[in-house]
Amino acid sequence: MKNQFSKKLMATEQELQSLFDTLDGDKDGKVSINELFLSPGLSAIISSETGISSPQELLSRYASDPDGSITFEELKQAVKKADNLT
């Protein structure tokens, strides 16, 4: 899966939103942590942008509720904390 995100280490908010929307299959505004890491290409992007390689670690650090999913705002917060959002 080739996409425009893998060419940079820093994402814009628009690129991050596009990535999130791709993963949010049911369009409920949340993506399960496992879905975030389902695709090897997308996993590499999330890992490089957040510095977090484990879905469980991402969930424990940034998800506000224990439902096993993360919102766009929570993912954005993780990328900002890693100083990779432009």
PDB file of N, CA and C in Angstrom:
ATOM      1  N   MET A   1       0.847  -1.186   0.000  1.00  0.00           N
ATOM      2  CA  MET A   1       0.000   0.000   0.000  1.00  0.00           C
ATOM      3  C   MET A   1       0.885   1.239   0.000  1.00  0.00           C
ATOM      4  N   LYS A   2       0.909   1.919  -1.092  1.00  0.00           N
ATOM      5  CA  LYS A   2       1.718   3.126  -1.190  1.00  0.00           C
ATOM      6  C   LYS A   2       0.825   4.338  -0.967  1.00  0.00           C
ATOM      7  N   ASN A   3       1.310   5.274  -0.160  1.00  0.00           N
ATOM      8  CA  ASN A   3       0.539   6.479   0.084  1.00  0.00           C
ATOM      9  C   ASN A   3       1.463   7.654   0.324  1.00  0.00           C
ATOM     10  N   GLN A   4       0.879   8.832   0.356  1.00  0.00           N
ATOM     11  CA  GLN A   4       1.670  10.043   0.490  1.00  0.00           C
ATOM     12  C   GLN A   4       2.239  10.222   1.890  1.00  0.00           C
ATOM     13  N   PHE A   5       1.723   9.507   2.887  1.00  0.00           N
ATOM     14  CA  PHE A   5       2.167   9.692   4.254  1.00  0.00           C
ATOM     15  C   PHE A   5       3.564   9.137   4.490  1.00  0.00           C
ATOM     16  N   SER A   6       3.933   8.065   3.808  1.00  0.00           N
ATOM     17  CA  SER A   6       5.182   7.377   4.093  1.00  0.00           C
ATOM     18  C   SER A   6       6.411   8.144   3.605  1.00  0.00           C
ATOM     19  N   LYS A   7       6.227   9.208   2.881  1.00  0.00           N
ATOM     20  CA  LYS A   7       7.355   9.953   2.337  1.00  0.00           C
ATOM     21  C   LYS A   7       7.956  10.931   3.338  1.00  0.00           C
ATOM     22  N   LYS A   8       7.266  11.212   4.430  1.00  0.00           N
ATOM     23  CA  LYS A   8       7.735  12.187   5.404  1.00  0.00           C
ATOM     24  C   LYS A   8       7.699  11.590   6.793  1.00  0.00           C
ATOM     25  N   LEU A   9       8.491  12.151   7.675  1.00  0.00           N
ATOM     26  CA  LEU A   9       8.405  11.761   9.073  1.00  0.00           C
ATOM     27  C   LEU A   9       7.463  12.683   9.834  1.00  0.00           C
ATOM     28  N   MET A  10       7.159  13.841   9.278  1.00  0.00           N
ATOM     29  CA  MET A  10       6.234  14.753   9.936  1.00  0.00           C
ATOM     30  C   MET A  10       4.967  14.862   9.103  1.00  0.00           C
ATOM     31  N   ALA A  11       3.827  14.756   9.766  1.00  0.00           N
ATOM     32  CA  ALA A  11       2.544  14.811   9.081  1.00  0.00           C
ATOM     33  C   ALA A  11       1.871  16.147   9.334  1.00  0.00           C
ATOM     34  N   THR A  12       1.118  16.584   8.358  1.00  0.00           N
ATOM     35  CA  THR A  12       0.254  17.725   8.597  1.00  0.00           C
ATOM     36  C   THR A  12      -1.023  17.184   9.234  1.00  0.00           C
ATOM     37  N   GLU A  13      -1.797  18.056   9.832  1.00  0.00           N
ATOM     38  CA  GLU A  13      -3.054  17.622  10.427  1.00  0.00           C
ATOM     39  C   GLU A  13      -3.982  17.040   9.363  1.00  0.00           C
ATOM     40  N   GLN A  14      -3.969  17.616   8.174  1.00  0.00           N
ATOM     41  CA  GLN A  14      -4.809  17.116   7.077  1.00  0.00           C
ATOM     42  C   GLN A  14      -4.396  15.701   6.677  1.00  0.00           C
ATOM     43  N   GLU A  15      -3.098  15.439   6.587  1.00  0.00           N
ATOM     44  CA  GLU A  15      -2.625  14.100   6.247  1.00  0.00           C
ATOM     45  C   GLU A  15      -3.004  13.093   7.334  1.00  0.00           C
ATOM     46  N   LEU A  16      -2.861  13.505   8.580  1.00  0.00           N
ATOM     47  CA  LEU A  16      -3.213  12.630   9.690  1.00  0.00           C
ATOM     48  C   LEU A  16      -4.707  12.338   9.684  1.00  0.00           C
ATOM     49  N   GLN A  17      -5.516  13.359   9.397  1.00  0.00           N
ATOM     50  CA  GLN A  17      -6.971  13.160   9.323  1.00  0.00           C
ATOM     51  C   GLN A  17      -7.319  12.202   8.190  1.00  0.00           C
ATOM     52  N   SER A  18      -6.656  12.340   7.058  1.00  0.00           N
ATOM     53  CA  SER A  18      -6.908  11.447   5.928  1.00  0.00           C
ATOM     54  C   SER A  18      -6.553  10.001   6.276  1.00  0.00           C
ATOM     55  N   LEU A  19      -5.442   9.805   6.941  1.00  0.00           N
ATOM     56  CA  LEU A  19      -5.040   8.478   7.392  1.00  0.00           C
ATOM     57  C   LEU A  19      -6.082   7.914   8.353  1.00  0.00           C
ATOM     58  N   PHE A  20      -6.498   8.721   9.315  1.00  0.00           N
ATOM     59  CA  PHE A  20      -7.492   8.283  10.292  1.00  0.00           C
ATOM     60  C   PHE A  20      -8.800   7.914   9.602  1.00  0.00           C
ATOM     61  N   ASP A  21      -9.245   8.761   8.679  1.00  0.00           N
ATOM     62  CA  ASP A  21     -10.498   8.498   7.960  1.00  0.00           C
ATOM     63  C   ASP A  21     -10.431   7.194   7.158  1.00  0.00           C
ATOM     64  N   THR A  22      -9.264   6.889   6.611  1.00  0.00           N
ATOM     65  CA  THR A  22      -9.080   5.643   5.875  1.00  0.00           C
ATOM     66  C   THR A  22      -9.312   4.444   6.794  1.00  0.00           C
ATOM     67  N   LEU A  23      -8.847   4.552   8.018  1.00  0.00           N
ATOM     68  CA  LEU A  23      -8.973   3.449   8.971  1.00  0.00           C
ATOM     69  C   LEU A  23     -10.346   3.379   9.629  1.00  0.00           C
ATOM     70  N   ASP A  24     -11.059   4.493   9.666  1.00  0.00           N
ATOM     71  CA  ASP A  24     -12.367   4.551  10.330  1.00  0.00           C
ATOM     72  C   ASP A  24     -13.444   4.047   9.380  1.00  0.00           C
ATOM     73  N   GLY A  25     -13.489   2.739   9.210  1.00  0.00           N
ATOM     74  CA  GLY A  25     -14.380   2.117   8.233  1.00  0.00           C
ATOM     75  C   GLY A  25     -15.848   2.391   8.471  1.00  0.00           C
ATOM     76  N   ASP A  26     -16.296   2.406   9.736  1.00  0.00           N
ATOM     77  CA  ASP A  26     -17.717   2.624  10.006  1.00  0.00           C
ATOM     78  C   ASP A  26     -18.048   4.098  10.251  1.00  0.00           C
ATOM     79  N   LYS A  27     -17.058   4.961  10.121  1.00  0.00           N
ATOM     80  CA  LYS A  27     -17.236   6.423  10.221  1.00  0.00           C
ATOM     81  C   LYS A  27     -17.898   6.853  11.533  1.00  0.00           C
ATOM     82  N   ASP A  28     -17.516   6.170  12.642  1.00  0.00           N
ATOM     83  CA  ASP A  28     -18.058   6.548  13.943  1.00  0.00           C
ATOM     84  C   ASP A  28     -17.144   7.506  14.705  1.00  0.00           C
ATOM     85  N   GLY A  29     -16.050   7.918  14.061  1.00  0.00           N
ATOM     86  CA  GLY A  29     -15.139   8.864  14.696  1.00  0.00           C
ATOM     87  C   GLY A  29     -14.112   8.202  15.588  1.00  0.00           C
ATOM     88  N   LYS A  30     -14.081   6.865  15.582  1.00  0.00           N
ATOM     89  CA  LYS A  30     -13.114   6.118  16.382  1.00  0.00           C
ATOM     90  C   LYS A  30     -12.527   5.003  15.534  1.00  0.00           C
ATOM     91  N   VAL A  31     -11.285   4.653  15.847  1.00  0.00           N
ATOM     92  CA  VAL A  31     -10.616   3.543  15.196  1.00  0.00           C
ATOM     93  C   VAL A  31     -10.099   2.639  16.299  1.00  0.00           C
ATOM     94  N   SER A  32     -10.339   1.337  16.150  1.00  0.00           N
ATOM     95  CA  SER A  32      -9.820   0.428  17.173  1.00  0.00           C
ATOM     96  C   SER A  32      -8.298   0.441  17.101  1.00  0.00           C
ATOM     97  N   ILE A  33      -7.699   0.237  18.238  1.00  0.00           N
ATOM     98  CA  ILE A  33      -6.241   0.224  18.296  1.00  0.00           C
ATOM     99  C   ILE A  33      -5.687  -0.853  17.359  1.00  0.00           C
ATOM    100  N   ASN A  34      -6.321  -2.007  17.312  1.00  0.00           N
ATOM    101  CA  ASN A  34      -5.843  -3.066  16.423  1.00  0.00           C
ATOM    102  C   ASN A  34      -5.949  -2.656  14.961  1.00  0.00           C
ATOM    103  N   GLU A  35      -6.992  -1.913  14.579  1.00  0.00           N
ATOM    104  CA  GLU A  35      -7.117  -1.432  13.195  1.00  0.00           C
ATOM    105  C   GLU A  35      -5.971  -0.502  12.833  1.00  0.00           C
ATOM    106  N   LEU A  36      -5.528   0.293  13.793  1.00  0.00           N
ATOM    107  CA  LEU A  36      -4.426   1.219  13.525  1.00  0.00           C
ATOM    108  C   LEU A  36      -3.165   0.486  13.101  1.00  0.00           C
ATOM    109  N   PHE A  37      -2.998  -0.713  13.604  1.00  0.00           N
ATOM    110  CA  PHE A  37      -1.779  -1.458  13.331  1.00  0.00           C
ATOM    111  C   PHE A  37      -2.003  -2.650  12.412  1.00  0.00           C
ATOM    112  N   LEU A  38      -3.189  -2.720  11.781  1.00  0.00           N
ATOM    113  CA  LEU A  38      -3.534  -3.831  10.906  1.00  0.00           C
ATOM    114  C   LEU A  38      -2.700  -3.850   9.633  1.00  0.00           C
ATOM    115  N   SER A  39      -2.507  -2.700   9.038  1.00  0.00           N
ATOM    116  CA  SER A  39      -1.745  -2.591   7.800  1.00  0.00           C
ATOM    117  C   SER A  39      -0.279  -2.303   8.114  1.00  0.00           C
ATOM    118  N   PRO A  40       0.659  -3.089   7.573  1.00  0.00           N
ATOM    119  CA  PRO A  40       2.078  -2.830   7.847  1.00  0.00           C
ATOM    120  C   PRO A  40       2.516  -1.414   7.466  1.00  0.00           C
ATOM    121  N   GLY A  41       2.026  -0.903   6.356  1.00  0.00           N
ATOM    122  CA  GLY A  41       2.399   0.453   5.941  1.00  0.00           C
ATOM    123  C   GLY A  41       1.872   1.509   6.893  1.00  0.00           C
ATOM    124  N   LEU A  42       0.605   1.366   7.275  1.00  0.00           N
ATOM    125  CA  LEU A  42       0.017   2.329   8.199  1.00  0.00           C
ATOM    126  C   LEU A  42       0.630   2.193   9.584  1.00  0.00           C
ATOM    127  N   SER A  43       0.962   0.984   9.976  1.00  0.00           N
ATOM    128  CA  SER A  43       1.617   0.759  11.263  1.00  0.00           C
ATOM    129  C   SER A  43       2.950   1.492  11.327  1.00  0.00           C
ATOM    130  N   ALA A  44       3.708   1.431  10.248  1.00  0.00           N
ATOM    131  CA  ALA A  44       5.001   2.113  10.203  1.00  0.00           C
ATOM    132  C   ALA A  44       4.833   3.627  10.318  1.00  0.00           C
ATOM    133  N   ILE A  45       3.803   4.150   9.681  1.00  0.00           N
ATOM    134  CA  ILE A  45       3.541   5.591   9.750  1.00  0.00           C
ATOM    135  C   ILE A  45       3.182   5.992  11.175  1.00  0.00           C
ATOM    136  N   ILE A  46       2.235   5.275  11.782  1.00  0.00           N
ATOM    137  CA  ILE A  46       1.823   5.590  13.150  1.00  0.00           C
ATOM    138  C   ILE A  46       3.011   5.469  14.097  1.00  0.00           C
ATOM    139  N   SER A  47       3.787   4.416  13.948  1.00  0.00           N
ATOM    140  CA  SER A  47       4.950   4.220  14.814  1.00  0.00           C
ATOM    141  C   SER A  47       5.965   5.348  14.651  1.00  0.00           C
ATOM    142  N   SER A  48       6.245   5.737  13.414  1.00  0.00           N
ATOM    143  CA  SER A  48       7.240   6.795  13.198  1.00  0.00           C
ATOM    144  C   SER A  48       6.723   8.148  13.661  1.00  0.00           C
ATOM    145  N   GLU A  49       5.434   8.383  13.523  1.00  0.00           N
ATOM    146  CA  GLU A  49       4.876   9.681  13.916  1.00  0.00           C
ATOM    147  C   GLU A  49       4.706   9.829  15.429  1.00  0.00           C
ATOM    148  N   THR A  50       4.473   8.717  16.120  1.00  0.00           N
ATOM    149  CA  THR A  50       4.224   8.795  17.564  1.00  0.00           C
ATOM    150  C   THR A  50       5.375   8.280  18.408  1.00  0.00           C
ATOM    151  N   GLY A  51       6.255   7.484  17.818  1.00  0.00           N
ATOM    152  CA  GLY A  51       7.319   6.859  18.588  1.00  0.00           C
ATOM    153  C   GLY A  51       6.805   5.686  19.410  1.00  0.00           C
ATOM    154  N   ILE A  52       5.586   5.238  19.141  1.00  0.00           N
ATOM    155  CA  ILE A  52       4.953   4.149  19.882  1.00  0.00           C
ATOM    156  C   ILE A  52       4.686   3.003  18.917  1.00  0.00           C
ATOM    157  N   SER A  53       5.196   1.814  19.244  1.00  0.00           N
ATOM    158  CA  SER A  53       5.017   0.682  18.334  1.00  0.00           C
ATOM    159  C   SER A  53       3.942  -0.292  18.784  1.00  0.00           C
ATOM    160  N   SER A  54       3.478  -0.186  20.005  1.00  0.00           N
ATOM    161  CA  SER A  54       2.492  -1.129  20.533  1.00  0.00           C
ATOM    162  C   SER A  54       1.103  -0.501  20.605  1.00  0.00           C
ATOM    163  N   PRO A  55       0.087  -1.175  20.055  1.00  0.00           N
ATOM    164  CA  PRO A  55      -1.280  -0.651  20.175  1.00  0.00           C
ATOM    165  C   PRO A  55      -1.698  -0.456  21.632  1.00  0.00           C
ATOM    166  N   GLN A  56      -1.283  -1.364  22.493  1.00  0.00           N
ATOM    167  CA  GLN A  56      -1.635  -1.253  23.904  1.00  0.00           C
ATOM    168  C   GLN A  56      -1.006  -0.025  24.551  1.00  0.00           C
ATOM    169  N   GLU A  57       0.226   0.298  24.186  1.00  0.00           N
ATOM    170  CA  GLU A  57       0.893   1.475  24.733  1.00  0.00           C
ATOM    171  C   GLU A  57       0.203   2.757  24.256  1.00  0.00           C
ATOM    172  N   LEU A  58      -0.159   2.798  22.977  1.00  0.00           N
ATOM    173  CA  LEU A  58      -0.861   3.959  22.443  1.00  0.00           C
ATOM    174  C   LEU A  58      -2.181   4.152  23.181  1.00  0.00           C
ATOM    175  N   LEU A  59      -2.900   3.057  23.381  1.00  0.00           N
ATOM    176  CA  LEU A  59      -4.178   3.109  24.092  1.00  0.00           C
ATOM    177  C   LEU A  59      -4.000   3.579  25.534  1.00  0.00           C
ATOM    178  N   SER A  60      -3.034   3.012  26.226  1.00  0.00           N
ATOM    179  CA  SER A  60      -2.865   3.368  27.634  1.00  0.00           C
ATOM    180  C   SER A  60      -2.415   4.816  27.817  1.00  0.00           C
ATOM    181  N   ARG A  61      -1.661   5.340  26.877  1.00  0.00           N
ATOM    182  CA  ARG A  61      -1.182   6.722  26.994  1.00  0.00           C
ATOM    183  C   ARG A  61      -2.200   7.771  26.548  1.00  0.00           C
ATOM    184  N   TYR A  62      -2.983   7.471  25.513  1.00  0.00           N
ATOM    185  CA  TYR A  62      -3.763   8.529  24.882  1.00  0.00           C
ATOM    186  C   TYR A  62      -5.271   8.327  24.812  1.00  0.00           C
ATOM    187  N   ALA A  63      -5.766   7.114  24.897  1.00  0.00           N
ATOM    188  CA  ALA A  63      -7.215   6.916  24.804  1.00  0.00           C
ATOM    189  C   ALA A  63      -7.874   7.360  26.103  1.00  0.00           C
ATOM    190  N   SER A  64      -8.958   8.107  25.994  1.00  0.00           N
ATOM    191  CA  SER A  64      -9.611   8.654  27.181  1.00  0.00           C
ATOM    192  C   SER A  64     -10.583   7.686  27.823  1.00  0.00           C
ATOM    193  N   ASP A  65     -10.995   6.663  27.093  1.00  0.00           N
ATOM    194  CA  ASP A  65     -11.873   5.661  27.688  1.00  0.00           C
ATOM    195  C   ASP A  65     -11.388   4.267  27.308  1.00  0.00           C
ATOM    196  N   PRO A  66     -11.776   3.263  28.075  1.00  0.00           N
ATOM    197  CA  PRO A  66     -11.242   1.916  27.879  1.00  0.00           C
ATOM    198  C   PRO A  66     -11.998   1.079  26.848  1.00  0.00           C
ATOM    199  N   ASP A  67     -12.549   1.702  25.814  1.00  0.00           N
ATOM    200  CA  ASP A  67     -13.348   0.948  24.841  1.00  0.00           C
ATOM    201  C   ASP A  67     -12.520   0.291  23.736  1.00  0.00           C
ATOM    202  N   GLY A  68     -11.200   0.395  23.810  1.00  0.00           N
ATOM    203  CA  GLY A  68     -10.345  -0.245  22.815  1.00  0.00           C
ATOM    204  C   GLY A  68     -10.226   0.521  21.519  1.00  0.00           C
ATOM    205  N   SER A  69     -10.562   1.810  21.551  1.00  0.00           N
ATOM    206  CA  SER A  69     -10.454   2.622  20.342  1.00  0.00           C
ATOM    207  C   SER A  69      -9.855   3.975  20.683  1.00  0.00           C
ATOM    208  N   ILE A  70      -9.473   4.675  19.619  1.00  0.00           N
ATOM    209  CA  ILE A  70      -8.865   5.995  19.775  1.00  0.00           C
ATOM    210  C   ILE A  70      -9.547   6.957  18.802  1.00  0.00           C
ATOM    211  N   THR A  71      -9.755   8.173  19.244  1.00  0.00           N
ATOM    212  CA  THR A  71     -10.352   9.191  18.385  1.00  0.00           C
ATOM    213  C   THR A  71      -9.258   9.913  17.614  1.00  0.00           C
ATOM    214  N   PHE A  72      -9.673  10.698  16.619  1.00  0.00           N
ATOM    215  CA  PHE A  72      -8.695  11.478  15.871  1.00  0.00           C
ATOM    216  C   PHE A  72      -7.964  12.444  16.792  1.00  0.00           C
ATOM    217  N   GLU A  73      -8.675  13.098  17.685  1.00  0.00           N
ATOM    218  CA  GLU A  73      -8.035  14.061  18.591  1.00  0.00           C
ATOM    219  C   GLU A  73      -6.989  13.382  19.469  1.00  0.00           C
ATOM    220  N   GLU A  74      -7.268  12.166  19.911  1.00  0.00           N
ATOM    221  CA  GLU A  74      -6.307  11.440  20.741  1.00  0.00           C
ATOM    222  C   GLU A  74      -5.073  11.047  19.936  1.00  0.00           C
ATOM    223  N   LEU A  75      -5.284  10.616  18.697  1.00  0.00           N
ATOM    224  CA  LEU A  75      -4.147  10.290  17.835  1.00  0.00           C
ATOM    225  C   LEU A  75      -3.333  11.545  17.537  1.00  0.00           C
ATOM    226  N   LYS A  76      -4.016  12.637  17.280  1.00  0.00           N
ATOM    227  CA  LYS A  76      -3.333  13.916  17.008  1.00  0.00           C
ATOM    228  C   LYS A  76      -2.491  14.329  18.214  1.00  0.00           C
ATOM    229  N   GLN A  77      -3.020  14.130  19.407  1.00  0.00           N
ATOM    230  CA  GLN A  77      -2.283  14.462  20.626  1.00  0.00           C
ATOM    231  C   GLN A  77      -0.994  13.641  20.719  1.00  0.00           C
ATOM    232  N   ALA A  78      -1.069  12.351  20.360  1.00  0.00           N
ATOM    233  CA  ALA A  78       0.114  11.486  20.392  1.00  0.00           C
ATOM    234  C   ALA A  78       1.167  11.969  19.403  1.00  0.00           C
ATOM    235  N   VAL A  79       0.736  12.357  18.210  1.00  0.00           N
ATOM    236  CA  VAL A  79       1.675  12.838  17.190  1.00  0.00           C
ATOM    237  C   VAL A  79       2.271  14.179  17.612  1.00  0.00           C
ATOM    238  N   LYS A  80       1.452  15.057  18.181  1.00  0.00           N
ATOM    239  CA  LYS A  80       1.960  16.351  18.668  1.00  0.00           C
ATOM    240  C   LYS A  80       2.985  16.148  19.774  1.00  0.00           C
ATOM    241  N   LYS A  81       2.694  15.235  20.694  1.00  0.00           N
ATOM    242  CA  LYS A  81       3.621  14.990  21.801  1.00  0.00           C
ATOM    243  C   LYS A  81       4.959  14.494  21.287  1.00  0.00           C
ATOM    244  N   ALA A  82       4.959  13.729  20.211  1.00  0.00           N
ATOM    245  CA  ALA A  82       6.199  13.258  19.590  1.00  0.00           C
ATOM    246  C   ALA A  82       6.839  14.355  18.739  1.00  0.00           C
ATOM    247  N   ASP A  83       6.194  15.524  18.684  1.00  0.00           N
ATOM    248  CA  ASP A  83       6.700  16.682  17.944  1.00  0.00           C
ATOM    249  C   ASP A  83       6.801  16.396  16.448  1.00  0.00           C
ATOM    250  N   ASN A  84       5.815  15.664  15.918  1.00  0.00           N
ATOM    251  CA  ASN A  84       5.827  15.309  14.507  1.00  0.00           C
ATOM    252  C   ASN A  84       4.619  15.820  13.744  1.00  0.00           C
ATOM    253  N   LEU A  85       3.923  16.806  14.285  1.00  0.00           N
ATOM    254  CA  LEU A  85       2.794  17.377  13.565  1.00  0.00           C
ATOM    255  C   LEU A  85       3.184  18.763  13.098  1.00  0.00           C
ATOM    256  N   THR A  86       3.039  19.001  11.789  1.00  0.00           N
ATOM    257  CA  THR A  86       3.406  20.298  11.243  1.00  0.00           C
ATOM    258  C   THR A  86       2.179  21.138  11.011  1.00  0.00           C
TER     259      THR A  86
END
